[in-house]
Amino acid sequence: MNIIEHIQTAFDENIQTKVATKTLLTEKIALAGQVMVDCLRAGNKILCCGNGGSAADAQHFAAELLSRLCIERRPLPAITLNTDTSTITAIANDYSFDDIFAKPLLALGNEGDILLVITTSGNSKNLVKAIKVAQELNLKVIALTGRNGGMVADTLQKNDLEIRVPSQVGIRIQETHILILHCLCEIIDGLLFGKS
């Protein structure tokens, strides 16, 4: 392995993925930001979830809303469904791993809230189940995906929104998801507080 070439290739792939995403998805990202702003203006909240690295991204996004990204402002309501290990392990043990997001969502989700799911493959059964619960509860679903969108894309309905990163490579998708999440935070801050 030539380490220098590997690093340069990683940067090149990252840049190419982000340029392609900008070209294809700017309007969808703007729409998702507006939907989030409308949700928060109405007094509702954003519930986030994902698995593995996407779980970390969900937690990162909620932390930016609950604390801040770039500006001083009041905290905004966001809940990460993948951070409570006691709840996750209880549900996985007593029911199924497929239920770890759906059951808390049944308890915490209200009509008008948003469910934000983050996935590189789109094939996590626990995310699909959470989306179905969100749809039953009349939550808007926003899905950050990659590859072909997987089962998550197939589960989305007309009023849901998918932002699919145009890449087949998991790490490039995750890197781009972070940029999209930061864009969403900046849209929220700009439209709710007049700053960015």
Protein backbone atom coordinates (compact mmCIF):
# COMPACT_ATOMS: atom_id res chain seq x y z
CA MET A 1 0.00 0.00 0.00
CA ASN A 2 1.29 3.42 -0.95
CA ILE A 3 0.05 5.53 1.97
CA ILE A 4 0.44 8.87 0.19
CA GLU A 5 -1.55 7.68 -2.84
CA HIS A 6 -4.20 6.18 -0.57
CA ILE A 7 -4.68 9.47 1.29
CA GLN A 8 -4.81 11.45 -1.96
CA THR A 9 -7.39 9.02 -3.39
CA ALA A 10 -9.52 9.33 -0.23
CA PHE A 11 -9.52 13.13 -0.54
CA ASP A 12 -10.30 12.95 -4.26
CA GLU A 13 -13.22 10.55 -3.70
CA ASN A 14 -14.53 12.71 -0.86
CA ILE A 15 -14.44 15.83 -3.02
CA GLN A 16 -16.04 14.08 -6.01
CA THR A 17 -18.85 12.71 -3.83
CA LYS A 18 -19.54 16.10 -2.32
CA VAL A 19 -19.54 17.85 -5.71
CA ALA A 20 -21.98 15.25 -7.07
CA THR A 21 -24.17 15.66 -4.00
CA LYS A 22 -24.17 19.44 -4.37
CA THR A 23 -25.15 19.14 -8.02
CA LEU A 24 -27.96 16.63 -7.46
CA LEU A 25 -29.32 17.34 -3.98
CA THR A 26 -29.06 21.04 -3.09
CA GLU A 27 -32.81 21.59 -3.51
CA LYS A 28 -33.70 18.48 -1.49
CA ILE A 29 -31.39 19.54 1.33
CA ALA A 30 -32.99 23.02 1.30
CA LEU A 31 -36.45 21.45 1.39
CA ALA A 32 -35.46 19.20 4.31
CA GLY A 33 -34.14 22.23 6.18
CA GLN A 34 -37.38 24.12 5.60
CA VAL A 35 -39.42 21.12 6.78
CA MET A 36 -37.32 20.98 9.96
CA VAL A 37 -37.77 24.71 10.54
CA ASP A 38 -41.55 24.39 10.11
CA CYS A 39 -41.58 21.48 12.56
CA LEU A 40 -39.63 23.40 15.19
CA ARG A 41 -41.67 26.60 14.67
CA ALA A 42 -44.82 24.56 15.35
CA GLY A 43 -43.43 23.45 18.72
CA ASN A 44 -42.57 19.93 17.60
CA LYS A 45 -39.31 18.00 17.81
CA ILE A 46 -36.89 15.99 15.69
CA LEU A 47 -36.18 12.37 16.62
CA CYS A 48 -33.03 10.87 15.10
CA CYS A 49 -31.65 7.36 14.72
CA GLY A 50 -29.10 5.25 12.91
CA ASN A 51 -26.78 2.29 13.44
CA GLY A 52 -23.01 2.30 13.90
CA GLY A 53 -21.41 5.39 12.38
CA SER A 54 -24.87 6.65 11.45
CA ALA A 55 -25.84 6.38 15.13
CA ALA A 56 -22.94 8.71 15.90
CA ASP A 57 -24.16 11.07 13.16
CA ALA A 58 -27.68 11.06 14.64
CA GLN A 59 -26.26 11.87 18.06
CA HIS A 60 -24.06 14.59 16.55
CA PHE A 61 -27.06 16.24 14.84
CA ALA A 62 -29.19 16.19 18.00
CA ALA A 63 -26.30 17.63 20.02
CA GLU A 64 -25.99 20.54 17.58
CA LEU A 65 -29.70 21.34 18.06
CA LEU A 66 -29.69 20.89 21.83
CA SER A 67 -26.48 22.88 22.28
CA ARG A 68 -25.37 24.93 19.25
CA LEU A 69 -23.41 24.70 16.05
CA CYS A 70 -22.15 28.23 15.30
CA ILE A 71 -24.37 30.79 17.02
CA GLU A 72 -25.69 31.48 20.48
CA ARG A 73 -29.39 30.62 20.59
CA ARG A 74 -31.93 28.78 22.67
CA PRO A 75 -31.76 24.97 22.66
CA LEU A 76 -33.95 23.22 20.09
CA PRO A 77 -35.87 19.99 20.78
CA ALA A 78 -34.16 16.88 19.43
CA ILE A 79 -33.96 13.32 20.74
CA THR A 80 -31.56 10.60 19.64
CA LEU A 81 -33.21 7.18 19.82
CA ASN A 82 -29.92 5.25 19.71
CA THR A 83 -28.15 6.59 22.81
CA ASP A 84 -29.93 4.89 25.72
CA THR A 85 -28.14 1.55 26.11
CA SER A 86 -30.47 0.33 28.86
CA THR A 87 -33.53 0.87 26.68
CA ILE A 88 -31.88 -0.52 23.55
CA THR A 89 -30.65 -3.68 25.26
CA ALA A 90 -33.93 -4.22 27.11
CA ILE A 91 -35.95 -3.98 23.91
CA ALA A 92 -33.46 -6.07 21.91
CA ASN A 93 -33.44 -8.73 24.63
CA ASP A 94 -37.15 -8.80 25.44
CA TYR A 95 -38.52 -8.24 21.93
CA SER A 96 -36.19 -7.87 18.94
CA PHE A 97 -33.32 -5.72 17.75
CA ASP A 98 -35.69 -4.66 14.98
CA ASP A 99 -37.80 -2.87 17.63
CA ILE A 100 -35.09 -0.75 19.29
CA PHE A 101 -36.18 2.48 17.57
CA ALA A 102 -39.85 1.70 16.92
CA LYS A 103 -40.83 1.18 20.56
CA PRO A 104 -39.31 4.43 21.90
CA LEU A 105 -40.78 6.25 18.91
CA LEU A 106 -44.24 4.99 19.88
CA ALA A 107 -43.72 6.51 23.32
CA LEU A 108 -42.03 9.77 22.33
CA GLY A 109 -43.27 10.63 18.84
CA ASN A 110 -46.18 13.00 18.29
CA GLU A 111 -47.98 14.06 15.15
CA GLY A 112 -46.03 16.90 13.58
CA ASP A 113 -42.63 15.64 14.75
CA ILE A 114 -39.92 14.56 12.33
CA LEU A 115 -38.13 11.22 12.29
CA LEU A 116 -34.64 11.62 10.84
CA VAL A 117 -33.10 8.29 9.86
CA ILE A 118 -29.49 8.03 8.76
CA THR A 119 -28.18 4.98 6.91
CA THR A 120 -25.49 4.20 4.37
CA SER A 121 -27.01 0.92 3.12
CA GLY A 122 -30.70 1.58 3.69
CA ASN A 123 -31.18 -2.04 4.71
CA SER A 124 -31.49 -1.86 8.49
CA LYS A 125 -34.70 -3.55 9.60
CA ASN A 126 -34.85 -1.45 12.78
CA LEU A 127 -34.91 1.74 10.69
CA VAL A 128 -37.59 0.36 8.37
CA LYS A 129 -39.74 -0.53 11.38
CA ALA A 130 -39.23 2.94 12.87
CA ILE A 131 -40.26 4.55 9.58
CA LYS A 132 -43.47 2.51 9.53
CA VAL A 133 -44.28 3.60 13.10
CA ALA A 134 -43.54 7.23 12.20
CA GLN A 135 -45.90 7.00 9.25
CA GLU A 136 -48.64 5.54 11.48
CA LEU A 137 -48.14 8.43 13.92
CA ASN A 138 -48.19 11.04 11.11
CA LEU A 139 -44.57 12.05 11.56
CA LYS A 140 -42.67 13.40 8.58
CA VAL A 141 -39.74 11.13 7.72
CA ILE A 142 -36.47 12.47 6.38
CA ALA A 143 -33.98 9.78 5.37
CA LEU A 144 -30.30 10.34 4.65
CA THR A 145 -29.22 7.36 2.56
CA GLY A 146 -26.67 6.25 0.01
CA ARG A 147 -26.11 3.48 -2.56
CA ASN A 148 -29.58 2.56 -3.93
CA GLY A 149 -31.49 3.63 -0.81
CA GLY A 150 -32.26 0.02 0.09
CA MET A 151 -35.35 -1.03 2.03
CA VAL A 152 -35.54 2.41 3.63
CA ALA A 153 -36.17 4.05 0.24
CA ASP A 154 -38.78 1.40 -0.56
CA THR A 155 -40.60 2.13 2.72
CA LEU A 156 -40.83 5.89 2.26
CA GLN A 157 -44.17 7.37 1.27
CA LYS A 158 -45.11 10.34 -0.91
CA ASN A 159 -44.84 12.89 1.92
CA ASP A 160 -41.47 11.58 3.15
CA LEU A 161 -38.15 12.91 1.90
CA GLU A 162 -35.03 10.97 0.92
CA ILE A 163 -31.63 12.59 0.50
CA ARG A 164 -29.58 9.88 -1.22
CA VAL A 165 -25.85 10.53 -1.49
CA PRO A 166 -24.71 9.45 -4.97
CA SER A 167 -22.06 6.95 -3.90
CA GLN A 168 -21.65 3.22 -3.37
CA VAL A 169 -18.86 3.66 -0.78
CA GLY A 170 -19.95 3.68 2.86
CA ILE A 171 -17.27 5.99 4.20
CA ARG A 172 -17.80 8.55 1.42
CA ILE A 173 -21.55 8.45 2.15
CA GLN A 174 -20.96 9.01 5.88
CA GLU A 175 -18.58 11.89 5.24
CA THR A 176 -21.18 13.55 3.06
CA HIS A 177 -23.96 12.89 5.56
CA ILE A 178 -22.05 14.99 8.09
CA LEU A 179 -21.85 17.91 5.64
CA ILE A 180 -25.59 17.59 4.92
CA LEU A 181 -26.38 17.54 8.64
CA HIS A 182 -24.29 20.67 9.18
CA CYS A 183 -26.11 22.35 6.27
CA LEU A 184 -29.43 21.47 7.90
CA CYS A 185 -28.27 22.96 11.20
CA GLU A 186 -27.18 26.15 9.45
CA ILE A 187 -30.52 26.38 7.64
CA ILE A 188 -32.34 25.97 10.95
CA ASP A 189 -30.21 28.64 12.63
CA GLY A 190 -30.52 31.01 9.68
CA LEU A 191 -34.29 30.73 9.27
CA LEU A 192 -35.23 30.56 12.96
CA PHE A 193 -32.75 33.07 14.32
CA GLY A 194 -31.70 35.13 11.30
CA LYS A 195 -28.08 34.09 11.61
CA SER A 196 -25.75 31.55 10.04
